[in-house]
C-alpha atoms as a PDB file:
ATOM      1  CA  MET A   1     129.444  19.084  76.545  1.00  0.00           C
ATOM      2  CA  LYS A   2     129.400  21.517  79.484  1.00  0.00           C
ATOM      3  CA  VAL A   3     133.048  22.414  78.862  1.00  0.00           C
ATOM      4  CA  VAL A   4     132.369  23.068  75.184  1.00  0.00           C
ATOM      5  CA  LEU A   5     129.387  25.285  75.989  1.00  0.00           C
ATOM      6  CA  LEU A   6     131.403  27.200  78.565  1.00  0.00           C
ATOM      7  CA  VAL A   7     134.223  27.842  76.098  1.00  0.00           C
ATOM      8  CA  LEU A   8     131.723  28.994  73.480  1.00  0.00           C
ATOM      9  CA  THR A   9     130.250  31.507  75.915  1.00  0.00           C
ATOM     10  CA  LEU A  10     133.717  32.892  76.561  1.00  0.00           C
ATOM     11  CA  LEU A  11     134.542  33.441  72.908  1.00  0.00           C
ATOM     12  CA  PRO A  12     134.362  37.056  71.705  1.00  0.00           C
ATOM     13  CA  THR A  13     131.115  37.818  69.944  1.00  0.00           C
ATOM     14  CA  THR A  14     130.086  39.792  66.892  1.00  0.00           C
ATOM     15  CA  LEU A  15     126.892  41.824  66.892  1.00  0.00           C
ATOM     16  CA  ALA A  16     125.309  42.323  63.471  1.00  0.00           C
ATOM     17  CA  ILE A  17     121.881  43.931  63.349  1.00  0.00           C
ATOM     18  CA  SER A  18     119.671  45.910  61.013  1.00  0.00           C
ATOM     19  CA  PHE A  19     116.850  48.112  62.272  1.00  0.00           C
ATOM     20  CA  LYS A  20     114.487  50.895  61.261  1.00  0.00           C
ATOM     21  CA  LEU A  21     115.105  54.434  62.451  1.00  0.00           C
ATOM     22  CA  SER A  22     112.460  57.141  62.303  1.00  0.00           C
ATOM     23  CA  ALA A  23     113.519  60.065  60.105  1.00  0.00           C
ATOM     24  CA  GLU A  24     113.153  62.334  63.147  1.00  0.00           C
ATOM     25  CA  GLY A  25     113.819  59.932  66.004  1.00  0.00           C
ATOM     26  CA  THR A  26     116.550  58.403  68.142  1.00  0.00           C
ATOM     27  CA  ARG A  27     117.450  54.791  68.773  1.00  0.00           C
ATOM     28  CA  CYS A  28     120.192  53.368  70.995  1.00  0.00           C
ATOM     29  CA  ILE A  29     121.871  49.987  71.165  1.00  0.00           C
ATOM     30  CA  LYS A  30     123.530  48.911  74.422  1.00  0.00           C
ATOM     31  CA  GLU A  31     126.350  46.388  74.687  1.00  0.00           C
ATOM     32  CA  GLU A  32     129.046  45.441  77.189  1.00  0.00           C
ATOM     33  CA  ALA A  33     132.810  45.156  76.910  1.00  0.00           C
ATOM     34  CA  HIS A  34     135.653  44.096  79.190  1.00  0.00           C
ATOM     35  CA  LYS A  35     138.609  46.199  80.215  1.00  0.00           C
ATOM     36  CA  ASP A  36     141.205  46.913  77.478  1.00  0.00           C
ATOM     37  CA  VAL A  37     139.244  44.860  74.924  1.00  0.00           C
ATOM     38  CA  LEU A  38     139.172  46.410  71.456  1.00  0.00           C
ATOM     39  CA  VAL A  39     135.680  47.249  70.167  1.00  0.00           C
ATOM     40  CA  VAL A  40     135.248  48.022  66.469  1.00  0.00           C
ATOM     41  CA  GLY A  41     132.016  49.130  64.820  1.00  0.00           C
ATOM     42  CA  ASP A  42     130.909  49.541  61.213  1.00  0.00           C
ATOM     43  CA  PHE A  43     127.643  51.282  60.327  1.00  0.00           C
ATOM     44  CA  ASN A  44     125.728  52.174  57.198  1.00  0.00           C
ATOM     45  CA  ILE A  45     122.530  54.236  56.904  1.00  0.00           C
ATOM     46  CA  GLU A  46     120.255  53.658  53.912  1.00  0.00           C
ATOM     47  CA  ASN A  47     117.322  55.717  52.528  1.00  0.00           C
ATOM     48  CA  LEU A  48     118.853  58.930  53.888  1.00  0.00           C
ATOM     49  CA  GLN A  49     117.347  61.918  52.063  1.00  0.00           C
ATOM     50  CA  SER A  50     118.999  65.294  51.542  1.00  0.00           C
ATOM     51  CA  THR A  51     116.361  66.864  53.813  1.00  0.00           C
ATOM     52  CA  HIS A  52     117.524  64.873  56.831  1.00  0.00           C
ATOM     53  CA  GLU A  53     120.757  64.039  58.619  1.00  0.00           C
ATOM     54  CA  VAL A  54     121.862  61.515  61.223  1.00  0.00           C
ATOM     55  CA  ASP A  55     124.260  61.928  64.136  1.00  0.00           C
ATOM     56  CA  ILE A  56     125.903  58.976  65.858  1.00  0.00           C
ATOM     57  CA  LYS A  57     127.330  59.009  69.372  1.00  0.00           C
ATOM     58  CA  VAL A  58     128.939  56.227  71.421  1.00  0.00           C
ATOM     59  CA  THR A  59     129.084  56.752  75.197  1.00  0.00           C
ATOM     60  CA  ASP A  60     129.740  54.705  78.338  1.00  0.00           C
ATOM     61  CA  THR A  61     127.689  54.667  81.546  1.00  0.00           C
ATOM     62  CA  ARG A  62     129.526  57.790  82.773  1.00  0.00           C
ATOM     63  CA  ASP A  63     128.418  59.686  79.627  1.00  0.00           C
ATOM     64  CA  GLN A  64     132.014  59.823  78.410  1.00  0.00           C
ATOM     65  CA  VAL A  65     131.976  60.204  74.626  1.00  0.00           C
ATOM     66  CA  LEU A  66     133.881  57.353  72.983  1.00  0.00           C
ATOM     67  CA  PHE A  67     132.966  58.295  69.419  1.00  0.00           C
ATOM     68  CA  SER A  68     130.860  61.001  67.821  1.00  0.00           C
ATOM     69  CA  LYS A  69     130.084  61.946  64.240  1.00  0.00           C
ATOM     70  CA  GLU A  70     127.597  64.430  62.821  1.00  0.00           C
ATOM     71  CA  LYS A  71     125.874  64.107  59.455  1.00  0.00           C
ATOM     72  CA  ALA A  72     126.931  60.475  59.296  1.00  0.00           C
ATOM     73  CA  GLU A  73     125.886  58.146  56.510  1.00  0.00           C
ATOM     74  CA  ASN A  74     128.450  55.397  56.955  1.00  0.00           C
ATOM     75  CA  GLY A  75     131.706  54.891  58.766  1.00  0.00           C
ATOM     76  CA  LYS A  76     133.676  53.003  61.377  1.00  0.00           C
ATOM     77  CA  PHE A  77     134.681  53.542  64.977  1.00  0.00           C
ATOM     78  CA  ALA A  78     136.993  51.854  67.479  1.00  0.00           C
ATOM     79  CA  PHE A  79     137.642  52.244  71.198  1.00  0.00           C
ATOM     80  CA  THR A  80     138.661  50.460  74.398  1.00  0.00           C
ATOM     81  CA  LEU A  81     137.319  50.844  77.933  1.00  0.00           C
ATOM     82  CA  ASP A  82     139.311  51.448  81.116  1.00  0.00           C
ATOM     83  CA  ASP A  83     137.142  48.945  82.987  1.00  0.00           C
ATOM     84  CA  TYR A  84     134.303  46.517  82.410  1.00  0.00           C
ATOM     85  CA  ASP A  85     131.344  48.670  81.422  1.00  0.00           C
ATOM     86  CA  MET A  86     128.288  49.054  79.219  1.00  0.00           C
ATOM     87  CA  PHE A  87     128.376  51.327  76.185  1.00  0.00           C
ATOM     88  CA  SER A  88     125.562  52.833  74.135  1.00  0.00           C
ATOM     89  CA  ILE A  89     125.502  53.442  70.384  1.00  0.00           C
ATOM     90  CA  CYS A  90     122.866  56.081  69.608  1.00  0.00           C
ATOM     91  CA  PHE A  91     121.619  57.151  66.188  1.00  0.00           C
ATOM     92  CA  SER A  92     119.685  60.456  66.113  1.00  0.00           C
ATOM     93  CA  ALA A  93     117.899  61.505  62.927  1.00  0.00           C
ATOM     94  CA  LYS A  94     116.596  65.023  62.368  1.00  0.00           C
ATOM     95  CA  ARG A  95     115.510  67.408  59.658  1.00  0.00           C
ATOM     96  CA  VAL A  96     118.226  69.608  58.211  1.00  0.00           C
ATOM     97  CA  SER A  97     118.085  73.107  59.682  1.00  0.00           C
ATOM     98  CA  GLY A  98     116.222  75.539  57.418  1.00  0.00           C
ATOM     99  CA  VAL A  99     114.415  72.841  55.407  1.00  0.00           C
ATOM    100  CA  SER A 100     110.630  73.132  55.338  1.00  0.00           C
ATOM    101  CA  GLY A 101     108.598  70.359  56.922  1.00  0.00           C
ATOM    102  CA  ARG A 102     105.960  70.384  54.193  1.00  0.00           C
ATOM    103  CA  GLY A 103     105.394  67.448  51.924  1.00  0.00           C
ATOM    104  CA  PRO A 104     104.824  63.733  52.507  1.00  0.00           C
ATOM    105  CA  PRO A 105     106.357  62.209  55.648  1.00  0.00           C
ATOM    106  CA  PRO A 106     109.849  60.802  55.018  1.00  0.00           C
ATOM    107  CA  GLU A 107     110.462  57.091  54.989  1.00  0.00           C
ATOM    108  CA  ASP A 108     112.117  55.342  57.897  1.00  0.00           C
ATOM    109  CA  LEU A 109     115.865  54.925  57.618  1.00  0.00           C
ATOM    110  CA  ASN A 110     117.441  51.493  57.463  1.00  0.00           C
ATOM    111  CA  VAL A 111     120.491  51.239  59.735  1.00  0.00           C
ATOM    112  CA  LYS A 112     122.967  48.379  59.501  1.00  0.00           C
ATOM    113  CA  LEU A 113     125.393  47.989  62.392  1.00  0.00           C
ATOM    114  CA  VAL A 114     128.195  45.496  62.982  1.00  0.00           C
ATOM    115  CA  VAL A 115     130.090  45.528  66.293  1.00  0.00           C
ATOM    116  CA  LYS A 116     133.086  43.264  66.891  1.00  0.00           C
ATOM    117  CA  ARG A 117     134.963  42.729  70.151  1.00  0.00           C
ATOM    118  CA  GLY A 118     138.213  41.112  71.160  1.00  0.00           C
ATOM    119  CA  ILE A 119     140.004  38.977  68.594  1.00  0.00           C
ATOM    120  CA  GLU A 120     137.065  39.373  66.204  1.00  0.00           C
ATOM    121  CA  ALA A 121     137.886  43.082  66.020  1.00  0.00           C
ATOM    122  CA  LYS A 122     141.504  42.526  64.986  1.00  0.00           C
ATOM    123  CA  SER A 123     142.511  42.689  61.335  1.00  0.00           C
ATOM    124  CA  TYR A 124     144.750  39.651  61.033  1.00  0.00           C
ATOM    125  CA  ASN A 125     145.429  40.327  57.358  1.00  0.00           C
ATOM    126  CA  ASP A 126     147.032  43.655  58.287  1.00  0.00           C
ATOM    127  CA  ILE A 127     148.920  41.970  61.129  1.00  0.00           C
ATOM    128  CA  ALA A 128     150.226  39.295  58.762  1.00  0.00           C
ATOM    129  CA  LYS A 129     151.433  41.941  56.311  1.00  0.00           C
ATOM    130  CA  ALA A 130     153.029  44.102  58.997  1.00  0.00           C
ATOM    131  CA  GLU A 131     154.803  41.221  60.745  1.00  0.00           C
ATOM    132  CA  LYS A 132     155.346  39.199  57.539  1.00  0.00           C
ATOM    133  CA  LEU A 133     153.712  36.103  59.000  1.00  0.00           C
ATOM    134  CA  LYS A 134     153.258  32.880  57.083  1.00  0.00           C
ATOM    135  CA  PRO A 135     149.784  31.255  56.990  1.00  0.00           C
ATOM    136  CA  MET A 136     150.709  28.744  59.703  1.00  0.00           C
ATOM    137  CA  GLU A 137     152.216  31.482  61.870  1.00  0.00           C
ATOM    138  CA  LEU A 138     149.082  33.564  61.397  1.00  0.00           C
ATOM    139  CA  GLU A 139     146.880  30.685  62.557  1.00  0.00           C
ATOM    140  CA  LEU A 140     149.098  30.210  65.597  1.00  0.00           C
ATOM    141  CA  LYS A 141     148.778  33.926  66.297  1.00  0.00           C
ATOM    142  CA  LYS A 142     144.981  33.609  66.196  1.00  0.00           C
ATOM    143  CA  LEU A 143     145.069  30.627  68.559  1.00  0.00           C
ATOM    144  CA  GLU A 144     147.381  32.507  70.917  1.00  0.00           C
ATOM    145  CA  ASP A 145     145.041  35.504  71.019  1.00  0.00           C
ATOM    146  CA  LEU A 146     142.051  33.187  71.508  1.00  0.00           C
ATOM    147  CA  ALA A 147     143.778  31.447  74.425  1.00  0.00           C
ATOM    148  CA  GLU A 148     144.601  34.804  76.021  1.00  0.00           C
ATOM    149  CA  ALA A 149     140.982  35.912  75.619  1.00  0.00           C
ATOM    150  CA  ILE A 150     139.702  32.733  77.283  1.00  0.00           C
ATOM    151  CA  VAL A 151     142.195  33.047  80.157  1.00  0.00           C
ATOM    152  CA  SER A 152     141.185  36.684  80.604  1.00  0.00           C
ATOM    153  CA  ASP A 153     137.502  35.744  80.697  1.00  0.00           C
ATOM    154  CA  PHE A 154     138.169  32.999  83.231  1.00  0.00           C
ATOM    155  CA  ALA A 155     140.069  35.467  85.410  1.00  0.00           C
ATOM    156  CA  TYR A 156     137.187  37.936  85.168  1.00  0.00           C
ATOM    157  CA  MET A 157     134.661  35.231  86.071  1.00  0.00           C
ATOM    158  CA  LYS A 158     136.808  34.217  89.042  1.00  0.00           C
ATOM    159  CA  SER A 159     137.009  37.804  90.302  1.00  0.00           C
ATOM    160  CA  ARG A 160     133.237  38.198  89.898  1.00  0.00           C
ATOM    161  CA  GLU A 161     132.670  34.943  91.760  1.00  0.00           C
ATOM    162  CA  LYS A 162     134.887  36.138  94.628  1.00  0.00           C
ATOM    163  CA  LEU A 163     133.045  39.460  94.739  1.00  0.00           C
ATOM    164  CA  MET A 164     129.667  37.717  94.847  1.00  0.00           C
ATOM    165  CA  ARG A 165     130.892  35.298  97.510  1.00  0.00           C
ATOM    166  CA  ASP A 166     132.170  38.174  99.668  1.00  0.00           C
ATOM    167  CA  THR A 167     128.872  39.989  99.185  1.00  0.00           C
ATOM    168  CA  ASN A 168     126.883  36.889 100.195  1.00  0.00           C
ATOM    169  CA  GLU A 169     129.050  36.340 103.281  1.00  0.00           C
ATOM    170  CA  SER A 170     128.691  39.985 104.278  1.00  0.00           C
ATOM    171  CA  THR A 171     124.921  39.822 103.781  1.00  0.00           C
ATOM    172  CA  ASN A 172     124.636  36.596 105.801  1.00  0.00           C
ATOM    173  CA  SER A 173     126.678  38.139 108.620  1.00  0.00           C
ATOM    174  CA  ARG A 174     124.455  41.225 108.706  1.00  0.00           C
ATOM    175  CA  VAL A 175     121.298  39.095 108.684  1.00  0.00           C
ATOM    176  CA  LEU A 176     122.672  36.991 111.573  1.00  0.00           C
ATOM    177  CA  TRP A 177     123.477  40.012 113.722  1.00  0.00           C
ATOM    178  CA  PHE A 178     120.139  41.607 112.889  1.00  0.00           C
ATOM    179  CA  SER A 179     118.358  38.394 113.931  1.00  0.00           C
ATOM    180  CA  ILE A 180     120.269  38.303 117.223  1.00  0.00           C
ATOM    181  CA  PHE A 181     119.462  41.960 117.850  1.00  0.00           C
ATOM    182  CA  SER A 182     115.772  41.375 117.046  1.00  0.00           C
ATOM    183  CA  MET A 183     115.611  38.389 119.419  1.00  0.00           C
ATOM    184  CA  ALA A 184     117.292  40.412 122.178  1.00  0.00           C
ATOM    185  CA  VAL A 185     114.828  43.266 121.696  1.00  0.00           C
ATOM    186  CA  LEU A 186     111.846  40.894 121.751  1.00  0.00           C
ATOM    187  CA  LEU A 187     113.180  39.115 124.841  1.00  0.00           C
ATOM    188  CA  GLY A 188     113.750  42.430 126.607  1.00  0.00           C
ATOM    189  CA  LEU A 189     110.248  43.575 125.664  1.00  0.00           C
ATOM    190  CA  ALA A 190     108.736  40.322 126.962  1.00  0.00           C
ATOM    191  CA  LEU A 191     110.585  40.634 130.295  1.00  0.00           C
ATOM    192  CA  TRP A 192     109.493  44.253 130.632  1.00  0.00           C
ATOM    193  CA  GLN A 193     105.860  43.250 130.023  1.00  0.00           C
ATOM    194  CA  VAL A 194     106.104  40.527 132.673  1.00  0.00           C
ATOM    195  CA  PHE A 195     107.512  42.900 135.311  1.00  0.00           C
ATOM    196  CA  TYR A 196     105.065  45.642 134.361  1.00  0.00           C
ATOM    197  CA  LEU A 197     102.043  43.347 134.579  1.00  0.00           C
ATOM    198  CA  LYS A 198     103.305  41.915 137.877  1.00  0.00           C
ATOM    199  CA  ARG A 199     103.602  45.413 139.379  1.00  0.00           C
ATOM    200  CA  PHE A 200     100.196  46.347 137.938  1.00  0.00           C
ATOM    201  CA  PHE A 201      98.470  43.327 139.441  1.00  0.00           C
ATOM    202  CA  LYS A 202     100.220  43.926 142.763  1.00  0.00           C
ATOM    203  CA  ALA A 203      99.048  47.528 142.709  1.00  0.00           C
ATOM    204  CA  LYS A 204      95.478  46.330 142.101  1.00  0.00           C
ATOM    205  CA  LYS A 205      96.012  43.737 144.876  1.00  0.00           C
ATOM    206  CA  LEU A 206      95.075  40.950 142.472  1.00  0.00           C
ATOM    207  CA  ILE A 207      98.205  39.016 143.441  1.00  0.00           C
ATOM    208  CA  GLU A 208     100.455  39.028 146.442  1.00  0.00           C
END
């Protein structure tokens, strides 16, 4: 059972959400992706009035723009990252420039977003047509890609484990040396107090 659960956690995931967006507000969705893994998104904005418009921007943690579209109502985007990183998908709604703000407040917009990563993002129908694959060959292709994705995830987990182990060992070493230094300082302070008090008492002729 543990093996099955582990494999399931390694499988590429699909994010499908629907949320409300204020007609003059901004909302961002954050996700993560591994290096060189294809990320494909599909979005659709409902209840969008002619008095308002929505911009969409996809950025990584370094504020590098991966995708941007103004006056968006629906569309798709795709990108890959140079390294493991988080990316943000931001929807910003605003009133069209020059349009009066009078009248009843506009309704919230309904945003539908689907984000696929890894093998889920690949269009195997297009691959089958381009490479003229038979159904059995196509299934084998899917299994091959799935196996590569699992191996890649295992390799990533192994590298993360090594990094964490090195960090723990480095931290333990620093704590050990700090403890030794602290004990040496305390011991030196105690010896200094003993000699100081001995000289003090001798000066007061309380001891010989």
